[in-house]
Amino acid sequence: MITMNKTFSILTIVAGVLSAPVAAHAASAWHEGNGNVVQFTPHHIGSQPRAEVQADTRAAREGGTLSTYQRAIPVPGKSSASPKTRAEVIEEMRTQSPEARQAYKALYGG
């Protein structure tokens, strides 16, 4: 017959066994990837306070880059030059030299 004390002990051991890998993973700079791949990520352990991480996450969410960060895709840089209008692009193509036009056709197969 299993007593209440034994049941509590068993549940405590099971909870500890199940939570140990998660705790070790979060506190370590070494992360196991697919198969035998291991990454060293020292910036994952205690480099920023919680409030700073939350502020960074909030800023990324508002800036539209949070999903990009979550997928580990590099965030495109902000262009300092203002974009050209359609009319400016068309005019640039019209005034293009024959050599530049030939190079464009060779590059893009036109």
PDB file of N, CA and C in Angstrom:
ATOM      1  N   MET A   1       0.840  -1.180   0.000  1.00  0.00           N
ATOM      2  CA  MET A   1       0.000   0.000   0.000  1.00  0.00           C
ATOM      3  C   MET A   1       0.892   1.254   0.000  1.00  0.00           C
ATOM      4  N   ILE A   2       0.556   2.189  -0.895  1.00  0.00           N
ATOM      5  CA  ILE A   2       1.329   3.415  -1.002  1.00  0.00           C
ATOM      6  C   ILE A   2       0.729   4.459  -0.079  1.00  0.00           C
ATOM      7  N   THR A   3       1.581   5.011   0.751  1.00  0.00           N
ATOM      8  CA  THR A   3       1.100   6.038   1.671  1.00  0.00           C
ATOM      9  C   THR A   3       1.199   7.402   1.013  1.00  0.00           C
ATOM     10  N   MET A   4       0.596   8.381   1.648  1.00  0.00           N
ATOM     11  CA  MET A   4       0.597   9.753   1.144  1.00  0.00           C
ATOM     12  C   MET A   4       2.013  10.309   1.090  1.00  0.00           C
ATOM     13  N   ASN A   5       2.835   9.940   2.060  1.00  0.00           N
ATOM     14  CA  ASN A   5       4.208  10.416   2.123  1.00  0.00           C
ATOM     15  C   ASN A   5       5.028   9.875   0.948  1.00  0.00           C
ATOM     16  N   LYS A   6       4.842   8.592   0.606  1.00  0.00           N
ATOM     17  CA  LYS A   6       5.554   7.998  -0.520  1.00  0.00           C
ATOM     18  C   LYS A   6       5.088   8.619  -1.840  1.00  0.00           C
ATOM     19  N   THR A   7       3.789   8.863  -1.969  1.00  0.00           N
ATOM     20  CA  THR A   7       3.251   9.477  -3.184  1.00  0.00           C
ATOM     21  C   THR A   7       3.848  10.868  -3.380  1.00  0.00           C
ATOM     22  N   PHE A   8       3.908  11.636  -2.300  1.00  0.00           N
ATOM     23  CA  PHE A   8       4.490  12.981  -2.387  1.00  0.00           C
ATOM     24  C   PHE A   8       5.961  12.908  -2.776  1.00  0.00           C
ATOM     25  N   SER A   9       6.686  11.961  -2.211  1.00  0.00           N
ATOM     26  CA  SER A   9       8.110  11.798  -2.536  1.00  0.00           C
ATOM     27  C   SER A   9       8.289  11.427  -4.007  1.00  0.00           C
ATOM     28  N   ILE A  10       7.476  10.529  -4.499  1.00  0.00           N
ATOM     29  CA  ILE A  10       7.571  10.112  -5.902  1.00  0.00           C
ATOM     30  C   ILE A  10       7.254  11.281  -6.826  1.00  0.00           C
ATOM     31  N   LEU A  11       6.207  12.034  -6.512  1.00  0.00           N
ATOM     32  CA  LEU A  11       5.843  13.180  -7.339  1.00  0.00           C
ATOM     33  C   LEU A  11       6.934  14.253  -7.318  1.00  0.00           C
ATOM     34  N   THR A  12       7.556  14.451  -6.184  1.00  0.00           N
ATOM     35  CA  THR A  12       8.638  15.426  -6.077  1.00  0.00           C
ATOM     36  C   THR A  12       9.831  15.006  -6.930  1.00  0.00           C
ATOM     37  N   ILE A  13      10.168  13.743  -6.898  1.00  0.00           N
ATOM     38  CA  ILE A  13      11.285  13.239  -7.694  1.00  0.00           C
ATOM     39  C   ILE A  13      10.975  13.358  -9.186  1.00  0.00           C
ATOM     40  N   VAL A  14       9.763  12.996  -9.592  1.00  0.00           N
ATOM     41  CA  VAL A  14       9.373  13.086 -11.004  1.00  0.00           C
ATOM     42  C   VAL A  14       9.407  14.541 -11.471  1.00  0.00           C
ATOM     43  N   ALA A  15       8.907  15.459 -10.665  1.00  0.00           N
ATOM     44  CA  ALA A  15       8.924  16.876 -11.034  1.00  0.00           C
ATOM     45  C   ALA A  15      10.362  17.380 -11.161  1.00  0.00           C
ATOM     46  N   GLY A  16      11.223  16.967 -10.272  1.00  0.00           N
ATOM     47  CA  GLY A  16      12.628  17.372 -10.339  1.00  0.00           C
ATOM     48  C   GLY A  16      13.325  16.832 -11.571  1.00  0.00           C
ATOM     49  N   VAL A  17      13.044  15.594 -11.906  1.00  0.00           N
ATOM     50  CA  VAL A  17      13.653  14.976 -13.093  1.00  0.00           C
ATOM     51  C   VAL A  17      13.176  15.670 -14.363  1.00  0.00           C
ATOM     52  N   LEU A  18      11.904  16.017 -14.408  1.00  0.00           N
ATOM     53  CA  LEU A  18      11.362  16.675 -15.604  1.00  0.00           C
ATOM     54  C   LEU A  18      11.810  18.126 -15.745  1.00  0.00           C
ATOM     55  N   SER A  19      12.040  18.819 -14.642  1.00  0.00           N
ATOM     56  CA  SER A  19      12.411  20.231 -14.732  1.00  0.00           C
ATOM     57  C   SER A  19      13.916  20.463 -14.782  1.00  0.00           C
ATOM     58  N   ALA A  20      14.728  19.503 -14.441  1.00  0.00           N
ATOM     59  CA  ALA A  20      16.180  19.681 -14.419  1.00  0.00           C
ATOM     60  C   ALA A  20      16.764  20.038 -15.792  1.00  0.00           C
ATOM     61  N   PRO A  21      16.383  19.355 -16.883  1.00  0.00           N
ATOM     62  CA  PRO A  21      16.963  19.727 -18.181  1.00  0.00           C
ATOM     63  C   PRO A  21      16.612  21.150 -18.607  1.00  0.00           C
ATOM     64  N   VAL A  22      15.416  21.582 -18.293  1.00  0.00           N
ATOM     65  CA  VAL A  22      14.998  22.933 -18.660  1.00  0.00           C
ATOM     66  C   VAL A  22      15.803  23.970 -17.891  1.00  0.00           C
ATOM     67  N   ALA A  23      15.978  23.742 -16.619  1.00  0.00           N
ATOM     68  CA  ALA A  23      16.736  24.684 -15.791  1.00  0.00           C
ATOM     69  C   ALA A  23      18.198  24.724 -16.220  1.00  0.00           C
ATOM     70  N   ALA A  24      18.763  23.572 -16.529  1.00  0.00           N
ATOM     71  CA  ALA A  24      20.163  23.524 -16.950  1.00  0.00           C
ATOM     72  C   ALA A  24      20.344  24.198 -18.305  1.00  0.00           C
ATOM     73  N   HIS A  25      19.399  24.027 -19.185  1.00  0.00           N
ATOM     74  CA  HIS A  25      19.492  24.622 -20.523  1.00  0.00           C
ATOM     75  C   HIS A  25      19.421  26.145 -20.445  1.00  0.00           C
ATOM     76  N   ALA A  26      18.535  26.660 -19.616  1.00  0.00           N
ATOM     77  CA  ALA A  26      18.373  28.110 -19.526  1.00  0.00           C
ATOM     78  C   ALA A  26      19.559  28.785 -18.852  1.00  0.00           C
ATOM     79  N   ALA A  27      20.249  28.069 -17.980  1.00  0.00           N
ATOM     80  CA  ALA A  27      21.346  28.674 -17.239  1.00  0.00           C
ATOM     81  C   ALA A  27      22.693  28.470 -17.914  1.00  0.00           C
ATOM     82  N   SER A  28      22.716  27.771 -19.025  1.00  0.00           N
ATOM     83  CA  SER A  28      23.970  27.446 -19.672  1.00  0.00           C
ATOM     84  C   SER A  28      24.185  28.270 -20.934  1.00  0.00           C
ATOM     85  N   ALA A  29      25.445  28.515 -21.263  1.00  0.00           N
ATOM     86  CA  ALA A  29      25.768  29.216 -22.504  1.00  0.00           C
ATOM     87  C   ALA A  29      25.868  28.240 -23.671  1.00  0.00           C
ATOM     88  N   TRP A  30      25.842  26.948 -23.379  1.00  0.00           N
ATOM     89  CA  TRP A  30      25.930  25.926 -24.418  1.00  0.00           C
ATOM     90  C   TRP A  30      24.532  25.396 -24.708  1.00  0.00           C
ATOM     91  N   HIS A  31      24.147  25.407 -25.991  1.00  0.00           N
ATOM     92  CA  HIS A  31      22.819  24.938 -26.390  1.00  0.00           C
ATOM     93  C   HIS A  31      22.955  23.854 -27.440  1.00  0.00           C
ATOM     94  N   GLU A  32      22.256  22.765 -27.218  1.00  0.00           N
ATOM     95  CA  GLU A  32      22.283  21.676 -28.186  1.00  0.00           C
ATOM     96  C   GLU A  32      21.294  21.979 -29.302  1.00  0.00           C
ATOM     97  N   GLY A  33      21.728  21.811 -30.518  1.00  0.00           N
ATOM     98  CA  GLY A  33      20.878  22.072 -31.674  1.00  0.00           C
ATOM     99  C   GLY A  33      20.379  20.770 -32.267  1.00  0.00           C
ATOM    100  N   ASN A  34      20.307  20.701 -33.569  1.00  0.00           N
ATOM    101  CA  ASN A  34      19.869  19.492 -34.258  1.00  0.00           C
ATOM    102  C   ASN A  34      20.988  18.454 -34.244  1.00  0.00           C
ATOM    103  N   GLY A  35      20.699  17.301 -33.735  1.00  0.00           N
ATOM    104  CA  GLY A  35      21.699  16.240 -33.703  1.00  0.00           C
ATOM    105  C   GLY A  35      22.828  16.547 -32.758  1.00  0.00           C
ATOM    106  N   ASN A  36      24.046  16.520 -33.265  1.00  0.00           N
ATOM    107  CA  ASN A  36      25.234  16.728 -32.440  1.00  0.00           C
ATOM    108  C   ASN A  36      25.752  18.161 -32.477  1.00  0.00           C
ATOM    109  N   VAL A  37      25.003  19.051 -33.074  1.00  0.00           N
ATOM    110  CA  VAL A  37      25.433  20.442 -33.192  1.00  0.00           C
ATOM    111  C   VAL A  37      25.250  21.139 -31.850  1.00  0.00           C
ATOM    112  N   VAL A  38      26.297  21.821 -31.406  1.00  0.00           N
ATOM    113  CA  VAL A  38      26.235  22.555 -30.145  1.00  0.00           C
ATOM    114  C   VAL A  38      26.674  23.991 -30.421  1.00  0.00           C
ATOM    115  N   GLN A  39      25.899  24.936 -29.913  1.00  0.00           N
ATOM    116  CA  GLN A  39      26.219  26.348 -30.096  1.00  0.00           C
ATOM    117  C   GLN A  39      26.634  26.957 -28.768  1.00  0.00           C
ATOM    118  N   PHE A  40      27.619  27.814 -28.827  1.00  0.00           N
ATOM    119  CA  PHE A  40      28.039  28.566 -27.654  1.00  0.00           C
ATOM    120  C   PHE A  40      27.437  29.962 -27.758  1.00  0.00           C
ATOM    121  N   THR A  41      26.554  30.300 -26.855  1.00  0.00           N
ATOM    122  CA  THR A  41      25.872  31.594 -26.874  1.00  0.00           C
ATOM    123  C   THR A  41      25.989  32.254 -25.511  1.00  0.00           C
ATOM    124  N   PRO A  42      27.116  32.919 -25.243  1.00  0.00           N
ATOM    125  CA  PRO A  42      27.309  33.519 -23.927  1.00  0.00           C
ATOM    126  C   PRO A  42      26.334  34.654 -23.637  1.00  0.00           C
ATOM    127  N   HIS A  43      25.760  35.258 -24.685  1.00  0.00           N
ATOM    128  CA  HIS A  43      24.827  36.359 -24.459  1.00  0.00           C
ATOM    129  C   HIS A  43      23.479  35.878 -23.918  1.00  0.00           C
ATOM    130  N   HIS A  44      23.288  34.553 -23.790  1.00  0.00           N
ATOM    131  CA  HIS A  44      22.035  34.032 -23.250  1.00  0.00           C
ATOM    132  C   HIS A  44      22.025  33.965 -21.727  1.00  0.00           C
ATOM    133  N   ILE A  45      23.144  34.183 -21.108  1.00  0.00           N
ATOM    134  CA  ILE A  45      23.172  34.016 -19.657  1.00  0.00           C
ATOM    135  C   ILE A  45      23.445  35.335 -18.952  1.00  0.00           C
ATOM    136  N   GLY A  46      22.427  35.874 -18.368  1.00  0.00           N
ATOM    137  CA  GLY A  46      22.520  36.992 -17.454  1.00  0.00           C
ATOM    138  C   GLY A  46      23.235  38.239 -17.917  1.00  0.00           C
ATOM    139  N   SER A  47      23.226  38.549 -19.189  1.00  0.00           N
ATOM    140  CA  SER A  47      23.920  39.741 -19.621  1.00  0.00           C
ATOM    141  C   SER A  47      23.055  40.991 -19.519  1.00  0.00           C
ATOM    142  N   GLN A  48      21.729  40.825 -19.489  1.00  0.00           N
ATOM    143  CA  GLN A  48      20.820  41.971 -19.407  1.00  0.00           C
ATOM    144  C   GLN A  48      19.804  41.735 -18.289  1.00  0.00           C
ATOM    145  N   PRO A  49      19.425  42.794 -17.600  1.00  0.00           N
ATOM    146  CA  PRO A  49      18.357  42.643 -16.601  1.00  0.00           C
ATOM    147  C   PRO A  49      17.015  42.389 -17.290  1.00  0.00           C
ATOM    148  N   ARG A  50      16.104  41.795 -16.577  1.00  0.00           N
ATOM    149  CA  ARG A  50      14.789  41.431 -17.116  1.00  0.00           C
ATOM    150  C   ARG A  50      14.064  42.631 -17.712  1.00  0.00           C
ATOM    151  N   ALA A  51      14.095  43.769 -17.042  1.00  0.00           N
ATOM    152  CA  ALA A  51      13.385  44.957 -17.535  1.00  0.00           C
ATOM    153  C   ALA A  51      13.938  45.404 -18.884  1.00  0.00           C
ATOM    154  N   GLU A  52      15.247  45.291 -19.056  1.00  0.00           N
ATOM    155  CA  GLU A  52      15.861  45.683 -20.330  1.00  0.00           C
ATOM    156  C   GLU A  52      15.457  44.725 -21.456  1.00  0.00           C
ATOM    157  N   VAL A  53      15.408  43.432 -21.140  1.00  0.00           N
ATOM    158  CA  VAL A  53      14.979  42.440 -22.134  1.00  0.00           C
ATOM    159  C   VAL A  53      13.528  42.693 -22.527  1.00  0.00           C
ATOM    160  N   GLN A  54      12.681  42.983 -21.546  1.00  0.00           N
ATOM    161  CA  GLN A  54      11.273  43.265 -21.846  1.00  0.00           C
ATOM    162  C   GLN A  54      11.137  44.526 -22.693  1.00  0.00           C
ATOM    163  N   ALA A  55      11.940  45.547 -22.422  1.00  0.00           N
ATOM    164  CA  ALA A  55      11.890  46.775 -23.217  1.00  0.00           C
ATOM    165  C   ALA A  55      12.351  46.512 -24.654  1.00  0.00           C
ATOM    166  N   ASP A  56      13.402  45.699 -24.816  1.00  0.00           N
ATOM    167  CA  ASP A  56      13.870  45.340 -26.161  1.00  0.00           C
ATOM    168  C   ASP A  56      12.814  44.560 -26.924  1.00  0.00           C
ATOM    169  N   THR A  57      12.152  43.631 -26.244  1.00  0.00           N
ATOM    170  CA  THR A  57      11.099  42.843 -26.879  1.00  0.00           C
ATOM    171  C   THR A  57       9.934  43.724 -27.287  1.00  0.00           C
ATOM    172  N   ARG A  58       9.551  44.637 -26.424  1.00  0.00           N
ATOM    173  CA  ARG A  58       8.447  45.555 -26.733  1.00  0.00           C
ATOM    174  C   ARG A  58       8.797  46.428 -27.941  1.00  0.00           C
ATOM    175  N   ALA A  59      10.042  46.928 -27.972  1.00  0.00           N
ATOM    176  CA  ALA A  59      10.475  47.766 -29.103  1.00  0.00           C
ATOM    177  C   ALA A  59      10.502  46.966 -30.403  1.00  0.00           C
ATOM    178  N   ALA A  60      10.944  45.711 -30.340  1.00  0.00           N
ATOM    179  CA  ALA A  60      10.973  44.870 -31.544  1.00  0.00           C
ATOM    180  C   ALA A  60       9.561  44.561 -32.025  1.00  0.00           C
ATOM    181  N   ARG A  61       8.657  44.338 -31.081  1.00  0.00           N
ATOM    182  CA  ARG A  61       7.258  44.066 -31.455  1.00  0.00           C
ATOM    183  C   ARG A  61       6.649  45.292 -32.128  1.00  0.00           C
ATOM    184  N   GLU A  62       6.884  46.475 -31.563  1.00  0.00           N
ATOM    185  CA  GLU A  62       6.320  47.704 -32.126  1.00  0.00           C
ATOM    186  C   GLU A  62       6.983  48.078 -33.449  1.00  0.00           C
ATOM    187  N   GLY A  63       8.271  47.734 -33.602  1.00  0.00           N
ATOM    188  CA  GLY A  63       8.991  48.050 -34.829  1.00  0.00           C
ATOM    189  C   GLY A  63       8.764  47.036 -35.937  1.00  0.00           C
ATOM    190  N   GLY A  64       8.088  45.934 -35.634  1.00  0.00           N
ATOM    191  CA  GLY A  64       7.798  44.928 -36.646  1.00  0.00           C
ATOM    192  C   GLY A  64       8.925  43.945 -36.898  1.00  0.00           C
ATOM    193  N   THR A  65       9.936  43.905 -36.036  1.00  0.00           N
ATOM    194  CA  THR A  65      11.059  42.998 -36.262  1.00  0.00           C
ATOM    195  C   THR A  65      11.059  41.800 -35.319  1.00  0.00           C
ATOM    196  N   LEU A  66      10.077  41.679 -34.447  1.00  0.00           N
ATOM    197  CA  LEU A  66      10.064  40.583 -33.485  1.00  0.00           C
ATOM    198  C   LEU A  66       9.983  39.232 -34.186  1.00  0.00           C
ATOM    199  N   SER A  67       9.099  39.091 -35.166  1.00  0.00           N
ATOM    200  CA  SER A  67       8.975  37.804 -35.862  1.00  0.00           C
ATOM    201  C   SER A  67      10.248  37.481 -36.632  1.00  0.00           C
ATOM    202  N   THR A  68      10.933  38.500 -37.112  1.00  0.00           N
ATOM    203  CA  THR A  68      12.201  38.282 -37.811  1.00  0.00           C
ATOM    204  C   THR A  68      13.243  37.749 -36.840  1.00  0.00           C
ATOM    205  N   TYR A  69      13.318  38.345 -35.656  1.00  0.00           N
ATOM    206  CA  TYR A  69      14.259  37.869 -34.635  1.00  0.00           C
ATOM    207  C   TYR A  69      13.929  36.448 -34.201  1.00  0.00           C
ATOM    208  N   GLN A  70      12.654  36.132 -34.051  1.00  0.00           N
ATOM    209  CA  GLN A  70      12.248  34.803 -33.596  1.00  0.00           C
ATOM    210  C   GLN A  70      12.614  33.725 -34.607  1.00  0.00           C
ATOM    211  N   ARG A  71      12.680  34.078 -35.868  1.00  0.00           N
ATOM    212  CA  ARG A  71      13.045  33.113 -36.910  1.00  0.00           C
ATOM    213  C   ARG A  71      14.543  33.135 -37.209  1.00  0.00           C
ATOM    214  N   ALA A  72      15.302  33.923 -36.465  1.00  0.00           N
ATOM    215  CA  ALA A  72      16.755  34.054 -36.615  1.00  0.00           C
ATOM    216  C   ALA A  72      17.140  34.526 -38.011  1.00  0.00           C
ATOM    217  N   ILE A  73      16.324  35.410 -38.581  1.00  0.00           N
ATOM    218  CA  ILE A  73      16.605  36.004 -39.883  1.00  0.00           C
ATOM    219  C   ILE A  73      17.278  37.348 -39.629  1.00  0.00           C
ATOM    220  N   PRO A  74      18.340  37.666 -40.364  1.00  0.00           N
ATOM    221  CA  PRO A  74      18.975  38.970 -40.165  1.00  0.00           C
ATOM    222  C   PRO A  74      18.013  40.110 -40.494  1.00  0.00           C
ATOM    223  N   VAL A  75      18.015  41.107 -39.667  1.00  0.00           N
ATOM    224  CA  VAL A  75      17.134  42.256 -39.878  1.00  0.00           C
ATOM    225  C   VAL A  75      17.766  43.169 -40.926  1.00  0.00           C
ATOM    226  N   PRO A  76      17.010  43.537 -41.953  1.00  0.00           N
ATOM    227  CA  PRO A  76      17.588  44.421 -42.971  1.00  0.00           C
ATOM    228  C   PRO A  76      17.905  45.789 -42.377  1.00  0.00           C
ATOM    229  N   GLY A  77      18.984  46.371 -42.845  1.00  0.00           N
ATOM    230  CA  GLY A  77      19.394  47.682 -42.357  1.00  0.00           C
ATOM    231  C   GLY A  77      18.495  48.775 -42.906  1.00  0.00           C
ATOM    232  N   LYS A  78      18.430  49.845 -42.179  1.00  0.00           N
ATOM    233  CA  LYS A  78      17.635  50.992 -42.618  1.00  0.00           C
ATOM    234  C   LYS A  78      18.432  51.776 -43.652  1.00  0.00           C
ATOM    235  N   SER A  79      17.790  52.120 -44.745  1.00  0.00           N
ATOM    236  CA  SER A  79      18.446  52.879 -45.796  1.00  0.00           C
ATOM    237  C   SER A  79      18.394  54.363 -45.451  1.00  0.00           C
ATOM    238  N   SER A  80      19.522  55.023 -45.582  1.00  0.00           N
ATOM    239  CA  SER A  80      19.544  56.453 -45.289  1.00  0.00           C
ATOM    240  C   SER A  80      19.082  57.269 -46.494  1.00  0.00           C
ATOM    241  N   ALA A  81      19.185  56.685 -47.689  1.00  0.00           N
ATOM    242  CA  ALA A  81      18.747  57.390 -48.901  1.00  0.00           C
ATOM    243  C   ALA A  81      17.232  57.286 -49.048  1.00  0.00           C
ATOM    244  N   SER A  82      16.639  58.347 -49.515  1.00  0.00           N
ATOM    245  CA  SER A  82      15.194  58.301 -49.720  1.00  0.00           C
ATOM    246  C   SER A  82      14.909  57.504 -50.993  1.00  0.00           C
ATOM    247  N   PRO A  83      13.832  56.739 -51.025  1.00  0.00           N
ATOM    248  CA  PRO A  83      13.531  55.928 -52.203  1.00  0.00           C
ATOM    249  C   PRO A  83      13.153  56.806 -53.402  1.00  0.00           C
ATOM    250  N   LYS A  84      13.432  56.292 -54.584  1.00  0.00           N
ATOM    251  CA  LYS A  84      13.112  57.033 -55.799  1.00  0.00           C
ATOM    252  C   LYS A  84      11.644  56.840 -56.140  1.00  0.00           C
ATOM    253  N   THR A  85      11.085  57.843 -56.788  1.00  0.00           N
ATOM    254  CA  THR A  85       9.711  57.717 -57.266  1.00  0.00           C
ATOM    255  C   THR A  85       9.722  56.921 -58.559  1.00  0.00           C
ATOM    256  N   ARG A  86       8.561  56.471 -58.959  1.00  0.00           N
ATOM    257  CA  ARG A  86       8.436  55.713 -60.198  1.00  0.00           C
ATOM    258  C   ARG A  86       8.911  56.544 -61.390  1.00  0.00           C
ATOM    259  N   ALA A  87       8.539  57.817 -61.401  1.00  0.00           N
ATOM    260  CA  ALA A  87       8.935  58.707 -62.495  1.00  0.00           C
ATOM    261  C   ALA A  87      10.452  58.860 -62.555  1.00  0.00           C
ATOM    262  N   GLU A  88      11.115  58.932 -61.383  1.00  0.00           N
ATOM    263  CA  GLU A  88      12.576  59.056 -61.364  1.00  0.00           C
ATOM    264  C   GLU A  88      13.252  57.804 -61.921  1.00  0.00           C
ATOM    265  N   VAL A  89      12.720  56.645 -61.591  1.00  0.00           N
ATOM    266  CA  VAL A  89      13.288  55.392 -62.090  1.00  0.00           C
ATOM    267  C   VAL A  89      13.122  55.297 -63.601  1.00  0.00           C
ATOM    268  N   ILE A  90      11.940  55.641 -64.103  1.00  0.00           N
ATOM    269  CA  ILE A  90      11.692  55.595 -65.546  1.00  0.00           C
ATOM    270  C   ILE A  90      12.617  56.568 -66.273  1.00  0.00           C
ATOM    271  N   GLU A  91      12.776  57.752 -65.735  1.00  0.00           N
ATOM    272  CA  GLU A  91      13.662  58.743 -66.365  1.00  0.00           C
ATOM    273  C   GLU A  91      15.115  58.253 -66.350  1.00  0.00           C
ATOM    274  N   GLU A  92      15.511  57.604 -65.288  1.00  0.00           N
ATOM    275  CA  GLU A  92      16.867  57.069 -65.199  1.00  0.00           C
ATOM    276  C   GLU A  92      17.085  55.984 -66.255  1.00  0.00           C
ATOM    277  N   MET A  93      16.087  55.150 -66.489  1.00  0.00           N
ATOM    278  CA  MET A  93      16.195  54.105 -67.509  1.00  0.00           C
ATOM    279  C   MET A  93      16.248  54.709 -68.919  1.00  0.00           C
ATOM    280  N   ARG A  94      15.505  55.779 -69.135  1.00  0.00           N
ATOM    281  CA  ARG A  94      15.495  56.424 -70.461  1.00  0.00           C
ATOM    282  C   ARG A  94      16.832  57.071 -70.788  1.00  0.00           C
ATOM    283  N   THR A  95      17.496  57.627 -69.785  1.00  0.00           N
ATOM    284  CA  THR A  95      18.765  58.333 -70.017  1.00  0.00           C
ATOM    285  C   THR A  95      19.979  57.415 -69.870  1.00  0.00           C
ATOM    286  N   GLN A  96      19.735  56.131 -69.752  1.00  0.00           N
ATOM    287  CA  GLN A  96      20.806  55.158 -69.575  1.00  0.00           C
ATOM    288  C   GLN A  96      21.660  55.053 -70.853  1.00  0.00           C
ATOM    289  N   SER A  97      22.954  54.891 -70.687  1.00  0.00           N
ATOM    290  CA  SER A  97      23.843  54.749 -71.845  1.00  0.00           C
ATOM    291  C   SER A  97      23.628  53.371 -72.485  1.00  0.00           C
ATOM    292  N   PRO A  98      23.936  53.221 -73.768  1.00  0.00           N
ATOM    293  CA  PRO A  98      23.778  51.918 -74.423  1.00  0.00           C
ATOM    294  C   PRO A  98      24.613  50.819 -73.758  1.00  0.00           C
ATOM    295  N   GLU A  99      25.807  51.169 -73.269  1.00  0.00           N
ATOM    296  CA  GLU A  99      26.655  50.176 -72.595  1.00  0.00           C
ATOM    297  C   GLU A  99      26.001  49.698 -71.290  1.00  0.00           C
ATOM    298  N   ALA A 100      25.442  50.631 -70.536  1.00  0.00           N
ATOM    299  CA  ALA A 100      24.779  50.277 -69.282  1.00  0.00           C
ATOM    300  C   ALA A 100      23.536  49.432 -69.551  1.00  0.00           C
ATOM    301  N   ARG A 101      22.803  49.774 -70.615  1.00  0.00           N
ATOM    302  CA  ARG A 101      21.607  49.010 -70.982  1.00  0.00           C
ATOM    303  C   ARG A 101      21.997  47.588 -71.385  1.00  0.00           C
ATOM    304  N   GLN A 102      23.094  47.446 -72.133  1.00  0.00           N
ATOM    305  CA  GLN A 102      23.570  46.122 -72.550  1.00  0.00           C
ATOM    306  C   GLN A 102      24.008  45.299 -71.343  1.00  0.00           C
ATOM    307  N   ALA A 103      24.697  45.929 -70.401  1.00  0.00           N
ATOM    308  CA  ALA A 103      25.125  45.244 -69.176  1.00  0.00           C
ATOM    309  C   ALA A 103      23.916  44.799 -68.358  1.00  0.00           C
ATOM    310  N   TYR A 104      22.896  45.643 -68.308  1.00  0.00           N
ATOM    311  CA  TYR A 104      21.660  45.307 -67.585  1.00  0.00           C
ATOM    312  C   TYR A 104      20.986  44.088 -68.215  1.00  0.00           C
ATOM    313  N   LYS A 105      20.923  44.091 -69.560  1.00  0.00           N
ATOM    314  CA  LYS A 105      20.296  42.956 -70.260  1.00  0.00           C
ATOM    315  C   LYS A 105      21.094  41.679 -70.066  1.00  0.00           C
ATOM    316  N   ALA A 106      22.419  41.789 -70.071  1.00  0.00           N
ATOM    317  CA  ALA A 106      23.256  40.601 -69.860  1.00  0.00           C
ATOM    318  C   ALA A 106      23.087  40.071 -68.438  1.00  0.00           C
ATOM    319  N   LEU A 107      22.965  40.982 -67.491  1.00  0.00           N
ATOM    320  CA  LEU A 107      22.840  40.578 -66.086  1.00  0.00           C
ATOM    321  C   LEU A 107      21.488  39.918 -65.809  1.00  0.00           C
ATOM    322  N   TYR A 108      20.410  40.491 -66.334  1.00  0.00           N
ATOM    323  CA  TYR A 108      19.064  40.018 -66.027  1.00  0.00           C
ATOM    324  C   TYR A 108      18.451  39.191 -67.151  1.00  0.00           C
ATOM    325  N   GLY A 109      19.194  38.881 -68.188  1.00  0.00           N
ATOM    326  CA  GLY A 109      18.710  37.990 -69.243  1.00  0.00           C
ATOM    327  C   GLY A 109      17.636  38.597 -70.107  1.00  0.00           C
ATOM    328  N   GLY A 110      17.692  39.878 -70.377  1.00  0.00           N
ATOM    329  CA  GLY A 110      16.642  40.529 -71.144  1.00  0.00           C
ATOM    330  C   GLY A 110      17.023  40.761 -72.502  1.00  0.00           C
TER     331      GLY A 110
END
